[in-house]
């Protein structure tokens, strides 16, 4: 992200095998993460300092939609409200 993107979301229908491969790759790199289930979704989350990476999946029709969300907390915090909204 290198300080240029506060939130980045990549999503697609990659199927069960793709989900398994993505999750394994993330766990190899960042360590294990607990599975969280709510509202028909499953997610795994990794936090390093004030940056967060979340892998989320849910069934859509006959497929599986998977998204990876990256959040840079310090950059997001620094955005603030536009000047005219601060008055």
PDB file of N, CA and C in Angstrom:
ATOM      1  N   UNK A   1       0.831  -1.171   0.000  1.00  0.00           N
ATOM      2  CA  UNK A   1       0.000   0.000   0.000  1.00  0.00           C
ATOM      3  C   UNK A   1       0.886   1.249   0.000  1.00  0.00           C
ATOM      4  N   UNK A   2       1.997   1.187   0.661  1.00  0.00           N
ATOM      5  CA  UNK A   2       3.029   2.224   0.605  1.00  0.00           C
ATOM      6  C   UNK A   2       2.533   3.647   0.798  1.00  0.00           C
ATOM      7  N   UNK A   3       1.569   3.851   1.705  1.00  0.00           N
ATOM      8  CA  UNK A   3       1.146   5.200   2.041  1.00  0.00           C
ATOM      9  C   UNK A   3       0.299   5.906   1.016  1.00  0.00           C
ATOM     10  N   UNK A   4      -0.143   5.215  -0.033  1.00  0.00           N
ATOM     11  CA  UNK A   4      -0.923   5.864  -1.075  1.00  0.00           C
ATOM     12  C   UNK A   4      -2.374   5.436  -1.129  1.00  0.00           C
ATOM     13  N   UNK A   5      -2.733   4.386  -0.415  1.00  0.00           N
ATOM     14  CA  UNK A   5      -4.100   3.862  -0.448  1.00  0.00           C
ATOM     15  C   UNK A   5      -4.523   3.556   0.984  1.00  0.00           C
ATOM     16  N   UNK A   6      -5.653   4.144   1.423  1.00  0.00           N
ATOM     17  CA  UNK A   6      -6.137   3.909   2.781  1.00  0.00           C
ATOM     18  C   UNK A   6      -6.900   2.588   2.883  1.00  0.00           C
ATOM     19  N   UNK A   7      -7.720   2.293   1.869  1.00  0.00           N
ATOM     20  CA  UNK A   7      -8.500   1.046   1.853  1.00  0.00           C
ATOM     21  C   UNK A   7      -8.433   0.471   0.449  1.00  0.00           C
ATOM     22  N   UNK A   8      -8.129  -0.805   0.366  1.00  0.00           N
ATOM     23  CA  UNK A   8      -8.076  -1.495  -0.923  1.00  0.00           C
ATOM     24  C   UNK A   8      -8.867  -2.788  -0.784  1.00  0.00           C
ATOM     25  N   UNK A   9      -9.796  -3.015  -1.711  1.00  0.00           N
ATOM     26  CA  UNK A   9     -10.599  -4.240  -1.701  1.00  0.00           C
ATOM     27  C   UNK A   9     -10.456  -4.919  -3.049  1.00  0.00           C
ATOM     28  N   UNK A  10     -10.118  -6.202  -3.013  1.00  0.00           N
ATOM     29  CA  UNK A  10     -10.044  -7.032  -4.208  1.00  0.00           C
ATOM     30  C   UNK A  10     -11.054  -8.143  -4.009  1.00  0.00           C
ATOM     31  N   UNK A  11     -11.954  -8.332  -4.987  1.00  0.00           N
ATOM     32  CA  UNK A  11     -12.946  -9.391  -4.819  1.00  0.00           C
ATOM     33  C   UNK A  11     -13.210 -10.103  -6.125  1.00  0.00           C
ATOM     34  N   UNK A  12     -13.637 -11.329  -5.990  1.00  0.00           N
ATOM     35  CA  UNK A  12     -13.967 -12.102  -7.166  1.00  0.00           C
ATOM     36  C   UNK A  12     -14.558 -13.442  -6.787  1.00  0.00           C
ATOM     37  N   UNK A  13     -15.095 -14.117  -7.766  1.00  0.00           N
ATOM     38  CA  UNK A  13     -15.666 -15.439  -7.575  1.00  0.00           C
ATOM     39  C   UNK A  13     -14.568 -16.444  -7.905  1.00  0.00           C
ATOM     40  N   UNK A  14     -13.874 -16.930  -6.880  1.00  0.00           N
ATOM     41  CA  UNK A  14     -12.721 -17.798  -7.127  1.00  0.00           C
ATOM     42  C   UNK A  14     -12.951 -19.243  -6.720  1.00  0.00           C
ATOM     43  N   UNK A  15     -14.106 -19.557  -6.139  1.00  0.00           N
ATOM     44  CA  UNK A  15     -14.418 -20.928  -5.796  1.00  0.00           C
ATOM     45  C   UNK A  15     -13.731 -21.412  -4.523  1.00  0.00           C
ATOM     46  N   UNK A  16     -14.099 -22.611  -4.110  1.00  0.00           N
ATOM     47  CA  UNK A  16     -13.576 -23.189  -2.872  1.00  0.00           C
ATOM     48  C   UNK A  16     -12.068 -23.407  -2.926  1.00  0.00           C
ATOM     49  N   UNK A  17     -11.566 -23.887  -4.049  1.00  0.00           N
ATOM     50  CA  UNK A  17     -10.126 -24.141  -4.177  1.00  0.00           C
ATOM     51  C   UNK A  17      -9.339 -22.842  -4.096  1.00  0.00           C
ATOM     52  N   UNK A  18      -9.814 -21.807  -4.780  1.00  0.00           N
ATOM     53  CA  UNK A  18      -9.150 -20.507  -4.729  1.00  0.00           C
ATOM     54  C   UNK A  18      -9.129 -19.937  -3.328  1.00  0.00           C
ATOM     55  N   UNK A  19     -10.256 -20.046  -2.615  1.00  0.00           N
ATOM     56  CA  UNK A  19     -10.317 -19.583  -1.220  1.00  0.00           C
ATOM     57  C   UNK A  19      -9.289 -20.307  -0.378  1.00  0.00           C
ATOM     58  N   UNK A  20      -9.224 -21.615  -0.520  1.00  0.00           N
ATOM     59  CA  UNK A  20      -8.277 -22.419   0.252  1.00  0.00           C
ATOM     60  C   UNK A  20      -6.829 -21.985  -0.035  1.00  0.00           C
ATOM     61  N   UNK A  21      -6.515 -21.776  -1.294  1.00  0.00           N
ATOM     62  CA  UNK A  21      -5.153 -21.361  -1.663  1.00  0.00           C
ATOM     63  C   UNK A  21      -4.820 -19.973  -1.128  1.00  0.00           C
ATOM     64  N   UNK A  22      -5.758 -19.020  -1.235  1.00  0.00           N
ATOM     65  CA  UNK A  22      -5.530 -17.664  -0.708  1.00  0.00           C
ATOM     66  C   UNK A  22      -5.311 -17.713   0.801  1.00  0.00           C
ATOM     67  N   UNK A  23      -6.194 -18.442   1.514  1.00  0.00           N
ATOM     68  CA  UNK A  23      -6.097 -18.514   2.978  1.00  0.00           C
ATOM     69  C   UNK A  23      -4.782 -19.143   3.395  1.00  0.00           C
ATOM     70  N   UNK A  24      -4.398 -20.228   2.739  1.00  0.00           N
ATOM     71  CA  UNK A  24      -3.115 -20.880   3.061  1.00  0.00           C
ATOM     72  C   UNK A  24      -1.942 -19.933   2.838  1.00  0.00           C
ATOM     73  N   UNK A  25      -1.945 -19.203   1.742  1.00  0.00           N
ATOM     74  CA  UNK A  25      -0.852 -18.267   1.445  1.00  0.00           C
ATOM     75  C   UNK A  25      -0.791 -17.163   2.502  1.00  0.00           C
ATOM     76  N   UNK A  26      -1.938 -16.631   2.895  1.00  0.00           N
ATOM     77  CA  UNK A  26      -1.962 -15.586   3.916  1.00  0.00           C
ATOM     78  C   UNK A  26      -1.501 -16.113   5.270  1.00  0.00           C
ATOM     79  N   UNK A  27      -1.915 -17.325   5.624  1.00  0.00           N
ATOM     80  CA  UNK A  27      -1.490 -17.902   6.898  1.00  0.00           C
ATOM     81  C   UNK A  27       0.004 -18.218   6.910  1.00  0.00           C
ATOM     82  N   UNK A  28       0.546 -18.627   5.782  1.00  0.00           N
ATOM     83  CA  UNK A  28       2.001 -18.844   5.713  1.00  0.00           C
ATOM     84  C   UNK A  28       2.742 -17.531   5.948  1.00  0.00           C
ATOM     85  N   UNK A  29       2.215 -16.462   5.394  1.00  0.00           N
ATOM     86  CA  UNK A  29       2.888 -15.160   5.487  1.00  0.00           C
ATOM     87  C   UNK A  29       2.659 -14.454   6.823  1.00  0.00           C
ATOM     88  N   UNK A  30       1.407 -14.484   7.326  1.00  0.00           N
ATOM     89  CA  UNK A  30       1.042 -13.687   8.493  1.00  0.00           C
ATOM     90  C   UNK A  30       0.689 -14.494   9.744  1.00  0.00           C
ATOM     91  N   UNK A  31       0.699 -15.815   9.641  1.00  0.00           N
ATOM     92  CA  UNK A  31       0.340 -16.646  10.788  1.00  0.00           C
ATOM     93  C   UNK A  31      -1.127 -17.029  10.743  1.00  0.00           C
ATOM     94  N   UNK A  32      -1.520 -17.872  11.674  1.00  0.00           N
ATOM     95  CA  UNK A  32      -2.901 -18.353  11.666  1.00  0.00           C
ATOM     96  C   UNK A  32      -3.855 -17.261  12.133  1.00  0.00           C
ATOM     97  N   UNK A  33      -5.083 -17.382  11.712  1.00  0.00           N
ATOM     98  CA  UNK A  33      -6.143 -16.448  12.102  1.00  0.00           C
ATOM     99  C   UNK A  33      -7.382 -17.267  12.414  1.00  0.00           C
ATOM    100  N   UNK A  34      -8.124 -16.832  13.404  1.00  0.00           N
ATOM    101  CA  UNK A  34      -9.343 -17.534  13.786  1.00  0.00           C
ATOM    102  C   UNK A  34     -10.453 -17.265  12.781  1.00  0.00           C
ATOM    103  N   UNK A  35     -11.234 -18.285  12.523  1.00  0.00           N
ATOM    104  CA  UNK A  35     -12.393 -18.167  11.649  1.00  0.00           C
ATOM    105  C   UNK A  35     -13.517 -17.473  12.413  1.00  0.00           C
ATOM    106  N   UNK A  36     -14.118 -16.487  11.762  1.00  0.00           N
ATOM    107  CA  UNK A  36     -15.259 -15.786  12.340  1.00  0.00           C
ATOM    108  C   UNK A  36     -16.429 -15.965  11.392  1.00  0.00           C
ATOM    109  N   UNK A  37     -17.589 -16.319  11.949  1.00  0.00           N
ATOM    110  CA  UNK A  37     -18.784 -16.531  11.126  1.00  0.00           C
ATOM    111  C   UNK A  37     -19.902 -15.625  11.613  1.00  0.00           C
ATOM    112  N   UNK A  38     -20.464 -14.849  10.689  1.00  0.00           N
ATOM    113  CA  UNK A  38     -21.646 -14.053  11.016  1.00  0.00           C
ATOM    114  C   UNK A  38     -22.331 -13.593   9.739  1.00  0.00           C
ATOM    115  N   UNK A  39     -23.649 -13.532   9.796  1.00  0.00           N
ATOM    116  CA  UNK A  39     -24.473 -13.056   8.680  1.00  0.00           C
ATOM    117  C   UNK A  39     -24.193 -13.806   7.379  1.00  0.00           C
ATOM    118  N   UNK A  40     -23.970 -15.122   7.467  1.00  0.00           N
ATOM    119  CA  UNK A  40     -23.739 -15.927   6.269  1.00  0.00           C
ATOM    120  C   UNK A  40     -22.357 -15.781   5.663  1.00  0.00           C
ATOM    121  N   UNK A  41     -21.460 -15.087   6.347  1.00  0.00           N
ATOM    122  CA  UNK A  41     -20.091 -14.899   5.862  1.00  0.00           C
ATOM    123  C   UNK A  41     -19.100 -15.595   6.783  1.00  0.00           C
ATOM    124  N   UNK A  42     -17.953 -15.884   6.227  1.00  0.00           N
ATOM    125  CA  UNK A  42     -16.810 -16.370   6.993  1.00  0.00           C
ATOM    126  C   UNK A  42     -15.675 -15.382   6.761  1.00  0.00           C
ATOM    127  N   UNK A  43     -14.888 -15.107   7.802  1.00  0.00           N
ATOM    128  CA  UNK A  43     -13.760 -14.203   7.609  1.00  0.00           C
ATOM    129  C   UNK A  43     -12.595 -14.582   8.511  1.00  0.00           C
ATOM    130  N   UNK A  44     -11.408 -14.203   8.054  1.00  0.00           N
ATOM    131  CA  UNK A  44     -10.158 -14.355   8.794  1.00  0.00           C
ATOM    132  C   UNK A  44      -9.500 -12.989   8.772  1.00  0.00           C
ATOM    133  N   UNK A  45      -8.896 -12.584   9.882  1.00  0.00           N
ATOM    134  CA  UNK A  45      -8.333 -11.232   9.949  1.00  0.00           C
ATOM    135  C   UNK A  45      -6.941 -11.257  10.573  1.00  0.00           C
ATOM    136  N   UNK A  46      -6.068 -10.437   9.994  1.00  0.00           N
ATOM    137  CA  UNK A  46      -4.707 -10.265  10.497  1.00  0.00           C
ATOM    138  C   UNK A  46      -4.493  -8.784  10.745  1.00  0.00           C
ATOM    139  N   UNK A  47      -3.902  -8.438  11.888  1.00  0.00           N
ATOM    140  CA  UNK A  47      -3.608  -7.047  12.204  1.00  0.00           C
ATOM    141  C   UNK A  47      -2.137  -6.938  12.552  1.00  0.00           C
ATOM    142  N   UNK A  48      -1.473  -5.992  11.927  1.00  0.00           N
ATOM    143  CA  UNK A  48      -0.054  -5.702  12.185  1.00  0.00           C
ATOM    144  C   UNK A  48       0.051  -4.206  12.434  1.00  0.00           C
ATOM    145  N   UNK A  49       0.370  -3.833  13.665  1.00  0.00           N
ATOM    146  CA  UNK A  49       0.397  -2.410  13.985  1.00  0.00           C
ATOM    147  C   UNK A  49      -0.987  -1.838  13.778  1.00  0.00           C
ATOM    148  N   UNK A  50      -1.086  -0.848  12.923  1.00  0.00           N
ATOM    149  CA  UNK A  50      -2.387  -0.237  12.630  1.00  0.00           C
ATOM    150  C   UNK A  50      -2.831  -0.528  11.205  1.00  0.00           C
ATOM    151  N   UNK A  51      -2.359  -1.647  10.667  1.00  0.00           N
ATOM    152  CA  UNK A  51      -2.803  -2.096   9.353  1.00  0.00           C
ATOM    153  C   UNK A  51      -3.544  -3.415   9.511  1.00  0.00           C
ATOM    154  N   UNK A  52      -4.604  -3.581   8.728  1.00  0.00           N
ATOM    155  CA  UNK A  52      -5.443  -4.766   8.841  1.00  0.00           C
ATOM    156  C   UNK A  52      -5.634  -5.392   7.466  1.00  0.00           C
ATOM    157  N   UNK A  53      -5.640  -6.710   7.443  1.00  0.00           N
ATOM    158  CA  UNK A  53      -5.933  -7.486   6.237  1.00  0.00           C
ATOM    159  C   UNK A  53      -7.035  -8.462   6.622  1.00  0.00           C
ATOM    160  N   UNK A  54      -8.106  -8.508   5.824  1.00  0.00           N
ATOM    161  CA  UNK A  54      -9.214  -9.425   6.122  1.00  0.00           C
ATOM    162  C   UNK A  54      -9.586 -10.190   4.859  1.00  0.00           C
ATOM    163  N   UNK A  55      -9.727 -11.490   5.000  1.00  0.00           N
ATOM    164  CA  UNK A  55     -10.203 -12.379   3.938  1.00  0.00           C
ATOM    165  C   UNK A  55     -11.637 -12.745   4.291  1.00  0.00           C
ATOM    166  N   UNK A  56     -12.575 -12.458   3.396  1.00  0.00           N
ATOM    167  CA  UNK A  56     -13.992 -12.699   3.655  1.00  0.00           C
ATOM    168  C   UNK A  56     -14.575 -13.506   2.512  1.00  0.00           C
ATOM    169  N   UNK A  57     -15.497 -14.406   2.845  1.00  0.00           N
ATOM    170  CA  UNK A  57     -16.135 -15.215   1.813  1.00  0.00           C
ATOM    171  C   UNK A  57     -17.601 -15.451   2.150  1.00  0.00           C
ATOM    172  N   UNK A  58     -18.381 -15.604   1.100  1.00  0.00           N
ATOM    173  CA  UNK A  58     -19.790 -15.977   1.253  1.00  0.00           C
ATOM    174  C   UNK A  58     -20.253 -16.647  -0.032  1.00  0.00           C
ATOM    175  N   UNK A  59     -21.254 -17.458   0.101  1.00  0.00           N
ATOM    176  CA  UNK A  59     -21.851 -18.106  -1.068  1.00  0.00           C
ATOM    177  C   UNK A  59     -22.715 -17.102  -1.809  1.00  0.00           C
ATOM    178  N   UNK A  60     -22.610 -17.102  -3.125  1.00  0.00           N
ATOM    179  CA  UNK A  60     -23.482 -16.295  -3.982  1.00  0.00           C
ATOM    180  C   UNK A  60     -23.954 -17.190  -5.100  1.00  0.00           C
ATOM    181  N   UNK A  61     -25.220 -17.535  -5.069  1.00  0.00           N
ATOM    182  CA  UNK A  61     -25.745 -18.471  -6.057  1.00  0.00           C
ATOM    183  C   UNK A  61     -25.027 -19.792  -5.932  1.00  0.00           C
ATOM    184  N   UNK A  62     -24.491 -20.268  -7.034  1.00  0.00           N
ATOM    185  CA  UNK A  62     -23.768 -21.543  -7.004  1.00  0.00           C
ATOM    186  C   UNK A  62     -22.268 -21.338  -6.806  1.00  0.00           C
ATOM    187  N   UNK A  63     -21.826 -20.096  -6.648  1.00  0.00           N
ATOM    188  CA  UNK A  63     -20.398 -19.812  -6.504  1.00  0.00           C
ATOM    189  C   UNK A  63     -20.025 -19.334  -5.115  1.00  0.00           C
ATOM    190  N   UNK A  64     -18.787 -18.935  -4.983  1.00  0.00           N
ATOM    191  CA  UNK A  64     -18.268 -18.405  -3.726  1.00  0.00           C
ATOM    192  C   UNK A  64     -17.557 -17.087  -4.023  1.00  0.00           C
ATOM    193  N   UNK A  65     -18.082 -15.998  -3.453  1.00  0.00           N
ATOM    194  CA  UNK A  65     -17.467 -14.677  -3.599  1.00  0.00           C
ATOM    195  C   UNK A  65     -16.438 -14.521  -2.482  1.00  0.00           C
ATOM    196  N   UNK A  66     -15.248 -14.098  -2.847  1.00  0.00           N
ATOM    197  CA  UNK A  66     -14.155 -13.925  -1.894  1.00  0.00           C
ATOM    198  C   UNK A  66     -13.597 -12.515  -2.046  1.00  0.00           C
ATOM    199  N   UNK A  67     -13.326 -11.856  -0.919  1.00  0.00           N
ATOM    200  CA  UNK A  67     -12.704 -10.543  -0.982  1.00  0.00           C
ATOM    201  C   UNK A  67     -11.542 -10.474   0.001  1.00  0.00           C
ATOM    202  N   UNK A  68     -10.561  -9.690  -0.373  1.00  0.00           N
ATOM    203  CA  UNK A  68      -9.433  -9.376   0.500  1.00  0.00           C
ATOM    204  C   UNK A  68      -9.468  -7.864   0.688  1.00  0.00           C
ATOM    205  N   UNK A  69      -9.520  -7.435   1.944  1.00  0.00           N
ATOM    206  CA  UNK A  69      -9.576  -6.017   2.281  1.00  0.00           C
ATOM    207  C   UNK A  69      -8.310  -5.643   3.030  1.00  0.00           C
ATOM    208  N   UNK A  70      -7.652  -4.584   2.572  1.00  0.00           N
ATOM    209  CA  UNK A  70      -6.467  -4.043   3.237  1.00  0.00           C
ATOM    210  C   UNK A  70      -6.820  -2.651   3.739  1.00  0.00           C
ATOM    211  N   UNK A  71      -6.528  -2.368   5.018  1.00  0.00           N
ATOM    212  CA  UNK A  71      -6.820  -1.054   5.598  1.00  0.00           C
ATOM    213  C   UNK A  71      -5.550  -0.526   6.252  1.00  0.00           C
ATOM    214  N   UNK A  72      -5.155   0.681   5.855  1.00  0.00           N
ATOM    215  CA  UNK A  72      -4.011   1.366   6.452  1.00  0.00           C
ATOM    216  C   UNK A  72      -4.567   2.395   7.431  1.00  0.00           C
ATOM    217  N   UNK A  73      -4.603   2.055   8.716  1.00  0.00           N
ATOM    218  CA  UNK A  73      -5.193   2.905   9.746  1.00  0.00           C
ATOM    219  C   UNK A  73      -4.620   4.307   9.804  1.00  0.00           C
ATOM    220  N   UNK A  74      -3.290   4.477   9.883  1.00  0.00           N
ATOM    221  CA  UNK A  74      -2.737   5.824   9.962  1.00  0.00           C
ATOM    222  C   UNK A  74      -3.104   6.694   8.755  1.00  0.00           C
ATOM    223  N   UNK A  75      -3.069   6.131   7.567  1.00  0.00           N
ATOM    224  CA  UNK A  75      -3.422   6.910   6.372  1.00  0.00           C
ATOM    225  C   UNK A  75      -4.900   7.273   6.399  1.00  0.00           C
ATOM    226  N   UNK A  76      -5.740   6.336   6.784  1.00  0.00           N
ATOM    227  CA  UNK A  76      -7.173   6.588   6.868  1.00  0.00           C
ATOM    228  C   UNK A  76      -7.456   7.670   7.909  1.00  0.00           C
ATOM    229  N   UNK A  77      -6.815   7.597   9.063  1.00  0.00           N
ATOM    230  CA  UNK A  77      -6.998   8.608  10.110  1.00  0.00           C
ATOM    231  C   UNK A  77      -6.578   9.991   9.631  1.00  0.00           C
ATOM    232  N   UNK A  78      -5.555  10.050   8.803  1.00  0.00           N
ATOM    233  CA  UNK A  78      -5.038  11.329   8.331  1.00  0.00           C
ATOM    234  C   UNK A  78      -5.890  11.999   7.271  1.00  0.00           C
ATOM    235  N   UNK A  79      -6.851  11.305   6.723  1.00  0.00           N
ATOM    236  CA  UNK A  79      -7.672  11.908   5.677  1.00  0.00           C
ATOM    237  C   UNK A  79      -8.536  13.039   6.225  1.00  0.00           C
ATOM    238  N   UNK A  80      -9.204  12.822   7.338  1.00  0.00           N
ATOM    239  CA  UNK A  80      -9.999  13.859   7.977  1.00  0.00           C
ATOM    240  C   UNK A  80     -11.119  14.385   7.099  1.00  0.00           C
ATOM    241  N   UNK A  81     -11.900  15.274   7.679  1.00  0.00           N
ATOM    242  CA  UNK A  81     -13.013  15.895   6.955  1.00  0.00           C
ATOM    243  C   UNK A  81     -12.491  17.023   6.078  1.00  0.00           C
ATOM    244  N   UNK A  82     -13.184  17.318   4.973  1.00  0.00           N
ATOM    245  CA  UNK A  82     -12.787  18.468   4.145  1.00  0.00           C
ATOM    246  C   UNK A  82     -12.809  19.745   4.980  1.00  0.00           C
ATOM    247  N   UNK A  83     -11.986  20.712   4.631  1.00  0.00           N
ATOM    248  CA  UNK A  83     -11.837  21.960   5.386  1.00  0.00           C
ATOM    249  C   UNK A  83     -13.188  22.633   5.669  1.00  0.00           C
ATOM    250  N   UNK A  84     -14.083  22.708   4.672  1.00  0.00           N
ATOM    251  CA  UNK A  84     -15.363  23.376   4.870  1.00  0.00           C
ATOM    252  C   UNK A  84     -16.242  22.657   5.886  1.00  0.00           C
ATOM    253  N   UNK A  85     -16.052  21.341   6.097  1.00  0.00           N
ATOM    254  CA  UNK A  85     -16.828  20.583   7.070  1.00  0.00           C
ATOM    255  C   UNK A  85     -16.293  20.731   8.487  1.00  0.00           C
ATOM    256  N   UNK A  86     -15.129  21.311   8.665  1.00  0.00           N
ATOM    257  CA  UNK A  86     -14.516  21.434   9.986  1.00  0.00           C
ATOM    258  C   UNK A  86     -14.955  22.697  10.719  1.00  0.00           C
ATOM    259  N   UNK A  87     -15.665  23.586  10.067  1.00  0.00           N
ATOM    260  CA  UNK A  87     -16.061  24.856  10.699  1.00  0.00           C
ATOM    261  C   UNK A  87     -17.213  24.711  11.620  1.00  0.00           C
TER     262      UNK A  87
END
